[in-house]
Amino acid sequence: MHDLPNLTMDDWQVTVSEVPFPPGRVGQVHHHAGFVLAYVLEGSIATKISGQPERVYKTGEMFYEPPGSTHETSRNASATEPAKLLAMIFARKGSTLTSPGPASGAR
């Protein structure tokens, strides 16, 4: 369980997208504007968010990416089975939702 950030969400929006992870897929280091709630729809996804240990999330589980964090590890935990997650990115309207590399001032 994680506390959500204490912020005013005036002029914010949520963008929801499915992210497929074919067998063996490894994502690049990236960060998001705002914060993210990610729900695993299918399979198992290994993830590491700055300040948190790496963990494998399975179907029905979710993880949280706090504001200013870096998504350091993002990969399908299986070399043979597909995986898929539902990403909900909460950010100010007009923000670039996903950027490569670590967040500035990442922990």
Protein backbone atom coordinates (compact mmCIF):
# COMPACT_ATOMS: atom_id res chain seq x y z
CA MET A 1 0.00 0.00 0.00
CA HIS A 2 1.22 3.50 -0.85
CA ASP A 3 -0.10 6.92 0.07
CA LEU A 4 -1.04 9.02 -2.94
CA PRO A 5 0.62 12.44 -3.27
CA ASN A 6 -1.06 15.34 -1.50
CA LEU A 7 -1.67 17.71 -4.39
CA THR A 8 -4.36 19.74 -6.05
CA MET A 9 -5.40 18.08 -9.29
CA ASP A 10 -6.80 21.19 -10.98
CA ASP A 11 -5.87 21.08 -14.68
CA TRP A 12 -4.82 17.40 -14.44
CA GLN A 13 -6.05 14.45 -16.46
CA VAL A 14 -5.66 10.69 -16.39
CA THR A 15 -4.49 8.82 -19.48
CA VAL A 16 -5.17 5.08 -19.52
CA SER A 17 -3.45 2.69 -21.91
CA GLU A 18 -2.78 -1.03 -22.29
CA VAL A 19 0.92 -1.89 -22.47
CA PRO A 20 1.70 -5.27 -24.06
CA PHE A 21 4.79 -7.20 -22.96
CA PRO A 22 5.49 -10.01 -25.44
CA PRO A 23 7.58 -12.90 -24.05
CA GLY A 24 11.06 -11.68 -23.11
CA ARG A 25 10.31 -7.96 -23.66
CA VAL A 26 12.54 -5.58 -21.70
CA GLY A 27 11.54 -1.92 -21.47
CA GLN A 28 13.94 1.01 -21.34
CA VAL A 29 14.61 3.18 -18.28
CA HIS A 30 11.99 5.95 -18.28
CA HIS A 31 9.95 8.30 -16.12
CA HIS A 32 6.50 9.83 -16.24
CA ALA A 33 4.93 13.20 -15.60
CA GLY A 34 2.83 13.08 -12.43
CA PHE A 35 2.26 9.63 -10.95
CA VAL A 36 1.24 6.21 -12.25
CA LEU A 37 -0.97 3.35 -11.11
CA ALA A 38 -0.30 0.16 -13.10
CA TYR A 39 -2.52 -2.93 -12.98
CA VAL A 40 -1.31 -6.26 -14.39
CA LEU A 41 -4.01 -7.61 -16.72
CA GLU A 42 -2.15 -10.74 -17.83
CA GLY A 43 1.07 -12.60 -17.01
CA SER A 44 3.90 -11.42 -14.76
CA ILE A 45 5.88 -8.18 -14.98
CA ALA A 46 9.15 -7.46 -13.17
CA THR A 47 9.47 -3.83 -12.20
CA LYS A 48 11.73 -1.59 -10.15
CA ILE A 49 10.81 1.96 -9.29
CA SER A 50 13.47 4.22 -7.73
CA GLY A 51 13.37 3.91 -3.95
CA GLN A 52 11.57 0.54 -4.10
CA PRO A 53 12.94 -3.01 -4.41
CA GLU A 54 12.52 -4.92 -7.68
CA ARG A 55 9.42 -7.10 -7.59
CA VAL A 56 7.43 -9.36 -9.90
CA TYR A 57 3.75 -8.40 -10.15
CA LYS A 58 1.26 -11.01 -11.34
CA THR A 59 -2.21 -10.85 -12.88
CA GLY A 60 -4.52 -8.86 -10.61
CA GLU A 61 -1.75 -7.00 -8.77
CA MET A 62 -0.82 -3.34 -9.15
CA PHE A 63 2.09 -1.02 -8.50
CA TYR A 64 2.54 2.71 -7.94
CA GLU A 65 5.10 5.10 -9.42
CA PRO A 66 5.35 8.24 -7.26
CA PRO A 67 5.93 11.69 -8.75
CA GLY A 68 9.61 12.25 -9.63
CA SER A 69 10.48 8.55 -9.65
CA THR A 70 12.30 6.58 -12.34
CA HIS A 71 11.01 3.29 -13.72
CA GLU A 72 14.39 1.52 -13.64
CA THR A 73 13.28 -2.01 -14.57
CA SER A 74 10.32 -2.96 -16.73
CA ARG A 75 10.23 -6.45 -18.26
CA ASN A 76 8.11 -9.47 -18.89
CA ALA A 77 9.10 -11.96 -16.18
CA SER A 78 8.53 -14.83 -18.62
CA ALA A 79 10.51 -15.74 -21.73
CA THR A 80 7.56 -17.77 -23.08
CA GLU A 81 4.25 -16.22 -21.89
CA PRO A 82 2.86 -12.79 -22.85
CA ALA A 83 2.01 -10.15 -20.24
CA LYS A 84 -0.03 -6.97 -20.32
CA LEU A 85 -0.62 -4.08 -17.95
CA LEU A 86 -3.06 -1.20 -17.74
CA ALA A 87 -1.19 2.04 -17.06
CA MET A 88 -3.06 5.00 -15.58
CA ILE A 89 -0.88 8.13 -15.81
CA PHE A 90 -2.12 11.10 -13.77
CA ALA A 91 -0.46 14.31 -15.00
CA ARG A 92 -1.07 17.97 -15.79
CA LYS A 93 -2.87 18.50 -19.09
CA GLY A 94 -0.40 18.94 -21.95
CA SER A 95 2.51 17.21 -20.16
CA THR A 96 4.80 14.79 -21.95
CA LEU A 97 3.56 11.60 -20.30
CA THR A 98 6.60 9.36 -20.78
CA SER A 99 10.24 10.41 -21.20
CA PRO A 100 13.37 8.27 -21.62
CA GLY A 101 16.03 8.08 -18.93
CA PRO A 102 15.92 8.90 -15.23
CA ALA A 103 13.79 11.67 -13.78
CA SER A 104 15.73 14.81 -12.91
CA GLY A 105 16.63 14.66 -9.25
CA ALA A 106 15.70 10.96 -9.17
CA ARG A 107 16.37 9.27 -5.87
